[in-house]
N, C-alpha and C. Protein backbone atom coordinates (compact mmCIF):
# COMPACT_ATOMS: atom_id res chain seq x y z
N MET A 1 0.85 -1.20 0.00
CA MET A 1 0.00 0.00 0.00
C MET A 1 0.88 1.25 0.00
N SER A 2 0.52 2.21 -0.80
CA SER A 2 1.29 3.45 -0.89
C SER A 2 1.09 4.32 0.34
N ILE A 3 2.16 4.95 0.82
CA ILE A 3 2.01 5.88 1.94
C ILE A 3 1.15 7.07 1.54
N TRP A 4 1.04 7.31 0.24
CA TRP A 4 0.29 8.46 -0.25
C TRP A 4 -1.21 8.21 -0.30
N ASN A 5 -1.65 7.00 0.02
CA ASN A 5 -3.07 6.71 0.02
C ASN A 5 -3.77 7.19 1.29
N GLN A 6 -2.99 7.55 2.30
CA GLN A 6 -3.59 8.02 3.54
C GLN A 6 -3.99 9.48 3.41
N GLY A 7 -4.89 9.91 4.29
CA GLY A 7 -5.31 11.31 4.28
C GLY A 7 -6.29 11.61 3.17
N HIS A 8 -6.43 12.88 2.84
CA HIS A 8 -7.33 13.30 1.78
C HIS A 8 -6.83 12.81 0.43
N ARG A 9 -7.78 12.56 -0.46
CA ARG A 9 -7.40 12.04 -1.79
C ARG A 9 -6.75 13.13 -2.65
N ILE A 10 -6.97 14.40 -2.30
CA ILE A 10 -6.36 15.51 -3.04
C ILE A 10 -5.21 16.06 -2.22
N LYS A 11 -4.04 16.12 -2.84
CA LYS A 11 -2.84 16.56 -2.15
C LYS A 11 -2.15 17.66 -2.95
N VAL A 12 -1.66 18.65 -2.24
CA VAL A 12 -0.96 19.78 -2.84
C VAL A 12 0.51 19.70 -2.45
N ILE A 13 1.39 19.70 -3.44
CA ILE A 13 2.83 19.64 -3.19
C ILE A 13 3.40 21.03 -3.47
N ALA A 14 3.82 21.71 -2.42
CA ALA A 14 4.32 23.08 -2.54
C ALA A 14 5.69 23.18 -1.90
N GLY A 15 6.31 24.35 -2.04
CA GLY A 15 7.64 24.55 -1.46
C GLY A 15 8.43 25.59 -2.22
N HIS A 16 9.69 25.72 -1.85
CA HIS A 16 10.55 26.69 -2.51
C HIS A 16 10.90 26.24 -3.92
N TYR A 17 11.15 27.20 -4.78
CA TYR A 17 11.57 26.91 -6.14
C TYR A 17 12.81 26.01 -6.12
N GLY A 18 12.75 24.90 -6.84
CA GLY A 18 13.89 24.00 -6.91
C GLY A 18 14.00 23.02 -5.76
N SER A 19 12.96 22.95 -4.92
CA SER A 19 13.04 22.07 -3.75
C SER A 19 12.79 20.60 -4.10
N GLY A 20 12.26 20.34 -5.30
CA GLY A 20 12.00 18.96 -5.70
C GLY A 20 10.53 18.61 -5.75
N LYS A 21 9.66 19.62 -5.79
CA LYS A 21 8.21 19.40 -5.78
C LYS A 21 7.76 18.51 -6.93
N THR A 22 8.26 18.79 -8.12
CA THR A 22 7.81 18.06 -9.30
C THR A 22 8.26 16.60 -9.25
N GLU A 23 9.51 16.37 -8.88
CA GLU A 23 10.00 15.00 -8.76
C GLU A 23 9.14 14.20 -7.78
N ILE A 24 8.80 14.81 -6.67
CA ILE A 24 8.03 14.13 -5.65
C ILE A 24 6.59 13.91 -6.12
N SER A 25 6.02 14.89 -6.81
CA SER A 25 4.67 14.73 -7.34
C SER A 25 4.60 13.56 -8.30
N LEU A 26 5.58 13.47 -9.19
CA LEU A 26 5.62 12.37 -10.15
C LEU A 26 5.76 11.03 -9.44
N ALA A 27 6.71 10.96 -8.50
CA ALA A 27 6.97 9.70 -7.81
C ALA A 27 5.76 9.27 -6.97
N ALA A 28 5.10 10.23 -6.32
CA ALA A 28 3.95 9.91 -5.50
C ALA A 28 2.80 9.38 -6.36
N ALA A 29 2.55 10.04 -7.50
CA ALA A 29 1.48 9.60 -8.39
C ALA A 29 1.75 8.19 -8.92
N LEU A 30 2.98 7.93 -9.29
CA LEU A 30 3.34 6.60 -9.78
C LEU A 30 3.20 5.56 -8.68
N ASP A 31 3.54 5.95 -7.45
CA ASP A 31 3.44 5.02 -6.33
C ASP A 31 1.97 4.70 -6.04
N ILE A 32 1.13 5.71 -6.08
CA ILE A 32 -0.30 5.49 -5.87
C ILE A 32 -0.86 4.56 -6.94
N ARG A 33 -0.49 4.83 -8.18
CA ARG A 33 -1.00 4.02 -9.29
C ARG A 33 -0.53 2.57 -9.16
N SER A 34 0.70 2.38 -8.72
CA SER A 34 1.23 1.02 -8.58
C SER A 34 0.51 0.25 -7.49
N SER A 35 -0.14 0.97 -6.58
CA SER A 35 -0.90 0.31 -5.51
C SER A 35 -2.29 -0.11 -5.99
N GLY A 36 -2.62 0.26 -7.24
CA GLY A 36 -3.88 -0.17 -7.83
C GLY A 36 -4.97 0.88 -7.85
N LEU A 37 -4.68 2.10 -7.36
CA LEU A 37 -5.69 3.15 -7.34
C LEU A 37 -5.48 4.13 -8.50
N PRO A 38 -6.55 4.73 -9.02
CA PRO A 38 -6.42 5.74 -10.07
C PRO A 38 -5.69 6.97 -9.53
N ALA A 39 -4.81 7.53 -10.33
CA ALA A 39 -4.02 8.68 -9.90
C ALA A 39 -3.91 9.71 -11.01
N ALA A 40 -3.74 10.96 -10.60
CA ALA A 40 -3.57 12.04 -11.57
C ALA A 40 -2.62 13.08 -11.01
N VAL A 41 -1.94 13.78 -11.92
CA VAL A 41 -1.10 14.92 -11.56
C VAL A 41 -1.67 16.15 -12.23
N VAL A 42 -1.84 17.22 -11.45
CA VAL A 42 -2.25 18.51 -12.01
C VAL A 42 -1.02 19.40 -12.00
N ASP A 43 -0.52 19.73 -13.19
CA ASP A 43 0.65 20.60 -13.32
C ASP A 43 0.18 22.04 -13.20
N LEU A 44 0.27 22.57 -11.98
CA LEU A 44 -0.21 23.93 -11.72
C LEU A 44 0.95 24.91 -11.59
N ASP A 45 2.08 24.56 -12.17
CA ASP A 45 3.24 25.44 -12.11
C ASP A 45 3.12 26.50 -13.20
N ILE A 46 2.61 27.67 -12.81
CA ILE A 46 2.50 28.78 -13.76
C ILE A 46 3.62 29.80 -13.54
N VAL A 47 4.64 29.38 -12.77
CA VAL A 47 5.77 30.26 -12.49
C VAL A 47 6.95 29.94 -13.40
N ASN A 48 7.24 28.66 -13.50
CA ASN A 48 8.42 28.22 -14.25
C ASN A 48 7.99 27.42 -15.47
N PRO A 49 8.36 27.87 -16.69
CA PRO A 49 7.94 27.14 -17.89
C PRO A 49 8.73 25.86 -18.13
N PHE A 50 9.71 25.58 -17.30
CA PHE A 50 10.53 24.39 -17.47
C PHE A 50 10.42 23.51 -16.23
N PHE A 51 10.92 22.25 -16.35
CA PHE A 51 10.94 21.32 -15.23
C PHE A 51 9.55 21.11 -14.64
N ARG A 52 8.61 20.84 -15.53
CA ARG A 52 7.24 20.62 -15.12
C ARG A 52 6.87 19.15 -15.23
N SER A 53 5.76 18.83 -14.55
CA SER A 53 5.24 17.46 -14.65
C SER A 53 4.94 17.10 -16.09
N ALA A 54 4.50 18.10 -16.87
CA ALA A 54 4.15 17.84 -18.28
C ALA A 54 5.34 17.30 -19.07
N GLU A 55 6.55 17.56 -18.57
CA GLU A 55 7.74 17.08 -19.25
C GLU A 55 7.80 15.55 -19.27
N GLN A 56 7.11 14.93 -18.31
CA GLN A 56 7.11 13.47 -18.20
C GLN A 56 5.75 12.89 -18.59
N SER A 57 5.08 13.52 -19.52
CA SER A 57 3.73 13.09 -19.90
C SER A 57 3.71 11.66 -20.42
N GLU A 58 4.72 11.26 -21.18
CA GLU A 58 4.73 9.89 -21.72
C GLU A 58 4.92 8.86 -20.61
N LEU A 59 5.78 9.18 -19.66
CA LEU A 59 5.99 8.28 -18.52
C LEU A 59 4.69 8.10 -17.75
N LEU A 60 4.02 9.19 -17.47
CA LEU A 60 2.77 9.12 -16.72
C LEU A 60 1.71 8.34 -17.49
N LYS A 61 1.61 8.62 -18.78
CA LYS A 61 0.62 7.93 -19.61
C LYS A 61 0.86 6.42 -19.63
N SER A 62 2.12 6.03 -19.77
CA SER A 62 2.44 4.60 -19.83
C SER A 62 2.13 3.89 -18.52
N ALA A 63 2.16 4.65 -17.41
CA ALA A 63 1.87 4.06 -16.10
C ALA A 63 0.39 4.14 -15.75
N GLY A 64 -0.38 4.79 -16.61
CA GLY A 64 -1.80 4.92 -16.34
C GLY A 64 -2.15 6.08 -15.43
N VAL A 65 -1.24 7.05 -15.31
CA VAL A 65 -1.49 8.24 -14.49
C VAL A 65 -1.97 9.36 -15.40
N GLU A 66 -3.09 9.97 -15.05
CA GLU A 66 -3.62 11.07 -15.85
C GLU A 66 -2.84 12.35 -15.55
N LEU A 67 -2.73 13.20 -16.57
CA LEU A 67 -2.03 14.48 -16.43
C LEU A 67 -2.94 15.60 -16.88
N PHE A 68 -3.06 16.61 -16.03
CA PHE A 68 -3.79 17.83 -16.38
C PHE A 68 -2.78 18.97 -16.33
N ALA A 69 -2.61 19.67 -17.43
CA ALA A 69 -1.60 20.72 -17.50
C ALA A 69 -2.19 21.97 -18.14
N PRO A 70 -1.69 23.17 -17.75
CA PRO A 70 -2.16 24.40 -18.37
C PRO A 70 -1.82 24.44 -19.86
N ASP A 71 -2.64 25.15 -20.63
CA ASP A 71 -2.28 25.40 -22.02
C ASP A 71 -0.94 26.14 -22.03
N PHE A 72 -0.11 25.83 -23.03
CA PHE A 72 1.21 26.41 -23.21
C PHE A 72 2.24 25.88 -22.22
N ALA A 73 1.91 24.78 -21.50
CA ALA A 73 2.94 24.15 -20.67
C ALA A 73 4.07 23.69 -21.57
N LEU A 74 5.28 23.78 -21.07
CA LEU A 74 6.51 23.42 -21.79
C LEU A 74 6.83 24.39 -22.91
N THR A 75 6.31 25.61 -22.83
CA THR A 75 6.72 26.64 -23.77
C THR A 75 7.21 27.83 -22.95
N ALA A 76 7.94 28.72 -23.62
CA ALA A 76 8.46 29.89 -22.92
C ALA A 76 7.39 30.95 -22.70
N ALA A 77 6.20 30.73 -23.27
CA ALA A 77 5.14 31.72 -23.12
C ALA A 77 4.72 31.85 -21.66
N ASP A 78 4.59 30.69 -20.98
CA ASP A 78 4.28 30.67 -19.55
C ASP A 78 3.07 31.52 -19.21
N ILE A 79 2.01 31.42 -20.00
CA ILE A 79 0.78 32.15 -19.74
C ILE A 79 -0.13 31.27 -18.89
N PRO A 80 -0.59 31.76 -17.75
CA PRO A 80 -1.36 30.91 -16.84
C PRO A 80 -2.79 30.67 -17.31
N ILE A 81 -2.95 29.89 -18.35
CA ILE A 81 -4.27 29.55 -18.85
C ILE A 81 -4.60 28.14 -18.36
N LEU A 82 -5.50 28.05 -17.41
CA LEU A 82 -5.81 26.79 -16.78
C LEU A 82 -7.16 26.31 -17.28
N GLY A 83 -7.17 25.21 -17.98
CA GLY A 83 -8.37 24.71 -18.62
C GLY A 83 -9.43 24.27 -17.62
N PRO A 84 -10.71 24.36 -18.01
CA PRO A 84 -11.80 23.96 -17.12
C PRO A 84 -11.79 22.47 -16.79
N GLU A 85 -11.06 21.67 -17.60
CA GLU A 85 -11.02 20.24 -17.32
C GLU A 85 -10.37 19.93 -15.97
N ILE A 86 -9.57 20.87 -15.45
CA ILE A 86 -8.95 20.67 -14.15
C ILE A 86 -10.02 20.51 -13.07
N LEU A 87 -11.15 21.18 -13.24
CA LEU A 87 -12.22 21.09 -12.25
C LEU A 87 -12.75 19.67 -12.10
N SER A 88 -12.58 18.86 -13.13
CA SER A 88 -13.13 17.50 -13.08
C SER A 88 -12.48 16.66 -12.00
N VAL A 89 -11.24 16.99 -11.61
CA VAL A 89 -10.57 16.16 -10.59
C VAL A 89 -11.25 16.26 -9.23
N PHE A 90 -11.99 17.36 -9.02
CA PHE A 90 -12.69 17.51 -7.74
C PHE A 90 -13.97 16.69 -7.68
N GLU A 91 -14.46 16.27 -8.84
CA GLU A 91 -15.73 15.54 -8.90
C GLU A 91 -15.55 14.02 -8.90
N ARG A 92 -14.36 13.56 -9.13
CA ARG A 92 -14.12 12.13 -9.27
C ARG A 92 -13.61 11.55 -7.95
N ASP A 93 -14.53 11.02 -7.18
CA ASP A 93 -14.20 10.57 -5.83
C ASP A 93 -13.23 9.40 -5.78
N ASP A 94 -13.07 8.70 -6.91
CA ASP A 94 -12.16 7.56 -6.93
C ASP A 94 -10.72 7.98 -7.21
N LEU A 95 -10.49 9.21 -7.64
CA LEU A 95 -9.20 9.63 -8.16
C LEU A 95 -8.33 10.26 -7.08
N ARG A 96 -7.09 9.77 -6.94
CA ARG A 96 -6.09 10.40 -6.07
C ARG A 96 -5.34 11.43 -6.90
N VAL A 97 -5.25 12.66 -6.40
CA VAL A 97 -4.75 13.77 -7.21
C VAL A 97 -3.59 14.46 -6.52
N LEU A 98 -2.51 14.70 -7.28
CA LEU A 98 -1.35 15.45 -6.81
C LEU A 98 -1.31 16.78 -7.56
N PHE A 99 -1.44 17.89 -6.85
CA PHE A 99 -1.28 19.21 -7.45
C PHE A 99 0.19 19.61 -7.32
N ASP A 100 0.88 19.72 -8.45
CA ASP A 100 2.28 20.15 -8.50
C ASP A 100 2.28 21.66 -8.67
N VAL A 101 2.61 22.37 -7.58
CA VAL A 101 2.45 23.82 -7.53
C VAL A 101 3.77 24.53 -7.79
N GLY A 102 3.69 25.70 -8.41
CA GLY A 102 4.89 26.50 -8.66
C GLY A 102 5.57 26.93 -7.37
N GLY A 103 6.79 27.40 -7.48
CA GLY A 103 7.60 27.71 -6.31
C GLY A 103 7.15 28.91 -5.51
N ASP A 104 7.33 28.80 -4.19
CA ASP A 104 7.10 29.88 -3.24
C ASP A 104 5.65 30.37 -3.25
N ASP A 105 5.44 31.56 -2.68
CA ASP A 105 4.08 32.08 -2.57
C ASP A 105 3.51 32.49 -3.91
N ALA A 106 4.38 32.87 -4.86
CA ALA A 106 3.89 33.25 -6.19
C ALA A 106 3.20 32.07 -6.86
N GLY A 107 3.80 30.89 -6.76
CA GLY A 107 3.19 29.70 -7.34
C GLY A 107 1.95 29.27 -6.58
N ALA A 108 1.98 29.42 -5.25
CA ALA A 108 0.85 28.99 -4.43
C ALA A 108 -0.39 29.84 -4.70
N ALA A 109 -0.20 31.06 -5.19
CA ALA A 109 -1.34 31.93 -5.47
C ALA A 109 -2.29 31.32 -6.49
N ALA A 110 -1.77 30.46 -7.37
CA ALA A 110 -2.61 29.83 -8.39
C ALA A 110 -3.67 28.93 -7.78
N LEU A 111 -3.46 28.51 -6.53
CA LEU A 111 -4.43 27.64 -5.87
C LEU A 111 -5.69 28.39 -5.46
N GLY A 112 -5.57 29.72 -5.34
CA GLY A 112 -6.67 30.51 -4.82
C GLY A 112 -7.97 30.36 -5.58
N ARG A 113 -7.88 30.22 -6.90
CA ARG A 113 -9.11 30.14 -7.68
C ARG A 113 -9.88 28.85 -7.41
N TYR A 114 -9.20 27.86 -6.81
CA TYR A 114 -9.85 26.58 -6.52
C TYR A 114 -10.24 26.44 -5.05
N ARG A 115 -10.20 27.54 -4.31
CA ARG A 115 -10.48 27.46 -2.88
C ARG A 115 -11.84 26.84 -2.57
N PRO A 116 -12.92 27.21 -3.28
CA PRO A 116 -14.21 26.57 -2.97
C PRO A 116 -14.17 25.05 -3.14
N GLN A 117 -13.46 24.59 -4.17
CA GLN A 117 -13.36 23.14 -4.41
C GLN A 117 -12.53 22.46 -3.32
N PHE A 118 -11.42 23.09 -2.93
CA PHE A 118 -10.60 22.51 -1.87
C PHE A 118 -11.37 22.46 -0.55
N GLN A 119 -12.14 23.49 -0.28
CA GLN A 119 -12.91 23.51 0.95
C GLN A 119 -13.97 22.40 0.96
N ARG A 120 -14.53 22.13 -0.20
CA ARG A 120 -15.58 21.12 -0.28
C ARG A 120 -15.02 19.71 -0.17
N THR A 121 -13.91 19.44 -0.87
CA THR A 121 -13.37 18.09 -0.90
C THR A 121 -12.37 17.83 0.21
N GLY A 122 -11.74 18.90 0.72
CA GLY A 122 -10.63 18.74 1.64
C GLY A 122 -9.35 18.43 0.88
N CYS A 123 -8.23 18.76 1.46
CA CYS A 123 -6.94 18.46 0.83
C CYS A 123 -5.85 18.49 1.89
N ASP A 124 -4.73 17.89 1.57
CA ASP A 124 -3.54 17.95 2.42
C ASP A 124 -2.47 18.69 1.65
N MET A 125 -1.88 19.73 2.25
CA MET A 125 -0.78 20.43 1.60
C MET A 125 0.54 20.03 2.25
N TYR A 126 1.45 19.57 1.41
CA TYR A 126 2.78 19.14 1.84
C TYR A 126 3.79 20.21 1.42
N ILE A 127 4.63 20.64 2.35
CA ILE A 127 5.68 21.60 2.04
C ILE A 127 7.00 20.84 1.91
N VAL A 128 7.59 20.90 0.73
CA VAL A 128 8.86 20.22 0.48
C VAL A 128 10.00 21.13 0.94
N VAL A 129 10.89 20.57 1.75
CA VAL A 129 12.01 21.35 2.29
C VAL A 129 13.32 20.67 1.95
N ASN A 130 14.18 21.41 1.28
CA ASN A 130 15.58 21.01 1.09
C ASN A 130 16.43 22.10 1.72
N PRO A 131 16.99 21.86 2.91
CA PRO A 131 17.73 22.91 3.61
C PRO A 131 18.95 23.42 2.85
N PHE A 132 19.34 22.74 1.79
CA PHE A 132 20.52 23.16 1.04
C PHE A 132 20.16 23.96 -0.20
N ARG A 133 18.93 24.46 -0.25
CA ARG A 133 18.51 25.37 -1.30
C ARG A 133 18.43 26.78 -0.73
N PRO A 134 18.56 27.81 -1.58
CA PRO A 134 18.46 29.18 -1.08
C PRO A 134 17.12 29.45 -0.40
N ARG A 135 17.14 30.32 0.59
CA ARG A 135 15.94 30.79 1.29
C ARG A 135 15.30 29.74 2.19
N THR A 136 15.91 28.58 2.31
CA THR A 136 15.42 27.59 3.28
C THR A 136 16.59 27.02 4.08
N GLY A 137 17.63 27.81 4.23
CA GLY A 137 18.83 27.33 4.91
C GLY A 137 18.79 27.47 6.41
N THR A 138 17.79 28.19 6.93
CA THR A 138 17.63 28.34 8.38
C THR A 138 16.19 28.05 8.76
N VAL A 139 15.98 27.79 10.03
CA VAL A 139 14.62 27.54 10.51
C VAL A 139 13.75 28.78 10.28
N GLU A 140 14.30 29.96 10.55
CA GLU A 140 13.53 31.19 10.40
C GLU A 140 13.13 31.42 8.95
N ASP A 141 14.07 31.23 8.02
CA ASP A 141 13.76 31.43 6.61
C ASP A 141 12.70 30.43 6.13
N THR A 142 12.81 29.21 6.60
CA THR A 142 11.86 28.18 6.18
C THR A 142 10.47 28.46 6.75
N ARG A 143 10.41 28.90 8.00
CA ARG A 143 9.13 29.27 8.58
C ARG A 143 8.49 30.42 7.81
N ASP A 144 9.30 31.38 7.40
CA ASP A 144 8.78 32.51 6.63
C ASP A 144 8.22 32.03 5.28
N MET A 145 8.95 31.11 4.61
CA MET A 145 8.47 30.56 3.35
C MET A 145 7.13 29.87 3.53
N ILE A 146 7.02 29.05 4.57
CA ILE A 146 5.77 28.32 4.82
C ILE A 146 4.63 29.30 5.08
N ASP A 147 4.89 30.31 5.88
CA ASP A 147 3.85 31.30 6.18
C ASP A 147 3.36 31.98 4.91
N ARG A 148 4.30 32.36 4.03
CA ARG A 148 3.93 33.05 2.80
C ARG A 148 3.12 32.13 1.88
N ILE A 149 3.52 30.88 1.79
CA ILE A 149 2.78 29.92 0.96
C ILE A 149 1.37 29.72 1.50
N GLU A 150 1.25 29.56 2.80
CA GLU A 150 -0.07 29.35 3.41
C GLU A 150 -0.99 30.55 3.17
N ARG A 151 -0.44 31.75 3.29
CA ARG A 151 -1.27 32.94 3.10
C ARG A 151 -1.76 33.06 1.66
N ARG A 152 -0.86 32.83 0.71
CA ARG A 152 -1.25 32.98 -0.69
C ARG A 152 -2.14 31.83 -1.16
N ALA A 153 -1.86 30.63 -0.67
CA ALA A 153 -2.67 29.47 -1.07
C ALA A 153 -4.01 29.43 -0.34
N ARG A 154 -4.04 30.10 0.82
CA ARG A 154 -5.21 30.06 1.70
C ARG A 154 -5.53 28.62 2.11
N ILE A 155 -4.46 27.86 2.29
CA ILE A 155 -4.53 26.48 2.76
C ILE A 155 -3.44 26.30 3.82
N GLY A 156 -3.76 25.66 4.91
CA GLY A 156 -2.76 25.39 5.93
C GLY A 156 -1.92 24.17 5.58
N ALA A 157 -0.65 24.23 5.90
CA ALA A 157 0.24 23.09 5.63
C ALA A 157 -0.08 21.95 6.59
N ALA A 158 -0.23 20.75 6.02
CA ALA A 158 -0.52 19.57 6.85
C ALA A 158 0.75 18.83 7.24
N TYR A 159 1.73 18.81 6.32
CA TYR A 159 2.94 18.02 6.53
C TYR A 159 4.15 18.70 5.90
N LEU A 160 5.32 18.33 6.40
CA LEU A 160 6.59 18.66 5.76
C LEU A 160 7.14 17.42 5.08
N ILE A 161 7.87 17.62 4.00
CA ILE A 161 8.59 16.54 3.33
C ILE A 161 10.06 16.90 3.33
N ASP A 162 10.86 16.05 3.92
CA ASP A 162 12.32 16.25 3.97
C ASP A 162 12.91 15.73 2.67
N ASN A 163 13.33 16.66 1.81
CA ASN A 163 13.96 16.28 0.54
C ASN A 163 15.41 16.76 0.52
N THR A 164 16.12 16.54 1.62
CA THR A 164 17.52 16.95 1.72
C THR A 164 18.35 16.30 0.62
N ASN A 165 19.07 17.11 -0.13
CA ASN A 165 20.03 16.57 -1.09
C ASN A 165 20.90 17.69 -1.65
N LEU A 166 22.06 17.29 -2.13
CA LEU A 166 22.94 18.18 -2.90
C LEU A 166 23.27 17.52 -4.23
N GLY A 167 22.27 16.88 -4.81
CA GLY A 167 22.49 16.19 -6.08
C GLY A 167 23.53 15.10 -5.94
N ASP A 168 24.46 15.07 -6.87
CA ASP A 168 25.50 14.06 -6.85
C ASP A 168 26.49 14.23 -5.71
N GLU A 169 26.43 15.38 -5.04
CA GLU A 169 27.34 15.65 -3.93
C GLU A 169 26.73 15.32 -2.57
N THR A 170 25.58 14.65 -2.58
CA THR A 170 24.92 14.28 -1.33
C THR A 170 25.75 13.24 -0.58
N THR A 171 25.99 13.47 0.68
CA THR A 171 26.75 12.56 1.54
C THR A 171 25.92 12.23 2.77
N PRO A 172 26.32 11.20 3.52
CA PRO A 172 25.62 10.91 4.78
C PRO A 172 25.58 12.11 5.71
N GLN A 173 26.65 12.90 5.72
CA GLN A 173 26.66 14.09 6.58
C GLN A 173 25.63 15.10 6.12
N VAL A 174 25.50 15.29 4.81
CA VAL A 174 24.49 16.20 4.27
C VAL A 174 23.10 15.75 4.71
N LEU A 175 22.83 14.45 4.58
CA LEU A 175 21.52 13.92 4.95
C LEU A 175 21.25 14.09 6.44
N SER A 176 22.28 13.88 7.26
CA SER A 176 22.13 14.03 8.70
C SER A 176 21.83 15.48 9.07
N GLU A 177 22.57 16.42 8.46
CA GLU A 177 22.34 17.84 8.73
C GLU A 177 20.95 18.27 8.29
N GLY A 178 20.54 17.76 7.12
CA GLY A 178 19.22 18.11 6.62
C GLY A 178 18.11 17.57 7.50
N ARG A 179 18.26 16.33 7.96
CA ARG A 179 17.27 15.74 8.85
C ARG A 179 17.12 16.59 10.12
N ARG A 180 18.25 16.97 10.70
CA ARG A 180 18.22 17.78 11.92
C ARG A 180 17.49 19.10 11.67
N MET A 181 17.79 19.74 10.55
CA MET A 181 17.19 21.03 10.23
C MET A 181 15.68 20.91 10.02
N VAL A 182 15.25 19.91 9.23
CA VAL A 182 13.82 19.74 8.97
C VAL A 182 13.08 19.40 10.26
N ASP A 183 13.70 18.61 11.12
CA ASP A 183 13.08 18.29 12.41
C ASP A 183 12.93 19.55 13.27
N GLU A 184 13.89 20.46 13.19
CA GLU A 184 13.80 21.72 13.93
C GLU A 184 12.65 22.56 13.39
N VAL A 185 12.49 22.58 12.08
CA VAL A 185 11.37 23.31 11.48
C VAL A 185 10.05 22.72 11.94
N SER A 186 9.99 21.40 12.00
CA SER A 186 8.77 20.73 12.45
C SER A 186 8.43 21.11 13.88
N ARG A 187 9.43 21.13 14.74
CA ARG A 187 9.17 21.50 16.14
C ARG A 187 8.75 22.96 16.25
N ALA A 188 9.37 23.82 15.44
CA ALA A 188 9.07 25.25 15.52
C ALA A 188 7.69 25.59 14.98
N THR A 189 7.21 24.83 14.00
CA THR A 189 5.93 25.12 13.36
C THR A 189 4.79 24.24 13.84
N GLY A 190 5.12 23.10 14.43
CA GLY A 190 4.09 22.15 14.82
C GLY A 190 3.57 21.33 13.65
N ILE A 191 4.26 21.41 12.50
CA ILE A 191 3.86 20.66 11.31
C ILE A 191 4.68 19.37 11.27
N PRO A 192 4.03 18.20 11.29
CA PRO A 192 4.79 16.95 11.33
C PRO A 192 5.50 16.65 10.02
N VAL A 193 6.57 15.88 10.11
CA VAL A 193 7.30 15.41 8.93
C VAL A 193 6.58 14.18 8.39
N PHE A 194 6.15 14.25 7.15
CA PHE A 194 5.43 13.13 6.54
C PHE A 194 6.38 12.03 6.12
N CYS A 195 7.48 12.40 5.45
CA CYS A 195 8.43 11.39 5.00
C CYS A 195 9.76 12.05 4.66
N ARG A 196 10.79 11.20 4.54
CA ARG A 196 12.09 11.61 4.03
C ARG A 196 12.19 11.06 2.61
N VAL A 197 12.54 11.89 1.67
CA VAL A 197 12.68 11.46 0.28
C VAL A 197 14.16 11.24 -0.01
N ARG A 198 14.48 10.07 -0.52
CA ARG A 198 15.87 9.73 -0.79
C ARG A 198 15.98 9.02 -2.13
N THR A 199 17.18 9.05 -2.70
CA THR A 199 17.44 8.33 -3.94
C THR A 199 18.22 7.05 -3.69
N ALA A 200 18.64 6.83 -2.46
CA ALA A 200 19.32 5.59 -2.07
C ALA A 200 18.60 5.04 -0.84
N PRO A 201 18.62 3.73 -0.66
CA PRO A 201 17.89 3.12 0.45
C PRO A 201 18.25 3.71 1.80
N GLU A 202 17.23 4.01 2.57
CA GLU A 202 17.37 4.49 3.94
C GLU A 202 16.12 4.05 4.68
N GLU A 203 16.28 3.56 5.87
CA GLU A 203 15.14 3.02 6.63
C GLU A 203 14.03 4.06 6.76
N GLY A 204 12.83 3.67 6.34
CA GLY A 204 11.67 4.55 6.45
C GLY A 204 11.55 5.61 5.38
N ALA A 205 12.50 5.68 4.46
CA ALA A 205 12.48 6.74 3.44
C ALA A 205 11.59 6.36 2.26
N PHE A 206 11.09 7.38 1.58
CA PHE A 206 10.36 7.19 0.33
C PHE A 206 11.38 7.33 -0.80
N LEU A 207 11.63 6.24 -1.51
CA LEU A 207 12.67 6.23 -2.54
C LEU A 207 12.12 6.75 -3.86
N ILE A 208 12.90 7.59 -4.52
CA ILE A 208 12.52 8.09 -5.83
C ILE A 208 13.70 7.95 -6.79
N SER A 209 13.38 7.98 -8.06
CA SER A 209 14.40 8.07 -9.12
C SER A 209 14.28 9.45 -9.73
N ARG A 210 15.36 10.18 -9.78
CA ARG A 210 15.29 11.53 -10.32
C ARG A 210 15.17 11.48 -11.84
N ARG A 211 14.10 12.07 -12.32
CA ARG A 211 13.80 12.04 -13.75
C ARG A 211 14.00 13.39 -14.42
N LEU A 212 14.10 14.45 -13.66
CA LEU A 212 14.25 15.79 -14.20
C LEU A 212 15.64 16.32 -13.91
N LYS A 213 16.13 17.12 -14.80
CA LYS A 213 17.43 17.77 -14.56
C LYS A 213 17.28 18.71 -13.36
N PRO A 214 18.21 18.66 -12.41
CA PRO A 214 18.11 19.56 -11.26
C PRO A 214 17.95 21.01 -11.70
N GLU A 215 17.07 21.74 -11.03
CA GLU A 215 16.72 23.08 -11.48
C GLU A 215 17.84 24.10 -11.27
N TRP A 216 18.84 23.73 -10.46
CA TRP A 216 19.91 24.71 -10.22
C TRP A 216 21.09 24.49 -11.16
N LEU A 217 21.00 23.52 -12.09
CA LEU A 217 22.09 23.29 -13.03
C LEU A 217 21.76 23.91 -14.37
């Protein structure tokens, strides 16, 4: 059974730009689908025209995961035209849905237009934290980021996701420092840590395969 099957069927993956939101959204949707449940990804990143869920449309299709993306996704136009078909995910009670949101509070603002739907169906918002990315290197900075996302999204954060990494330069020490930092954020905010995301086996971790080029390269 997928860890992502718990809680509300609609989940919002938010966080700082480059924190790994899209990778996690893809991996979570694939994990849900592999457990036998219908899954979908809503590419709601209207901030960055690159490194979107839509980039992996063939992978998702082959796995049986539905993809909903704005018009002009994967183009430099980056015009936030969100089709009405996105509304259908709120009506399908059998469907587990991952909203892949753009970075920071600017990206979270796109959620505002769906507030009535989120209020009706309920949702869980996960904040992805990589302490080795800019603007999330301290507890105070990370708390500020979370506050700004919550205000713009008008949704409270339910969980944190520890996505500590330095790409190919990730070491056990990096992971240990990141774990400590994310745990401090959890204590300071009262938001529990949902999972640790790793690319190599670690007890209790959610394993992923990185499919997108890191956003800082």
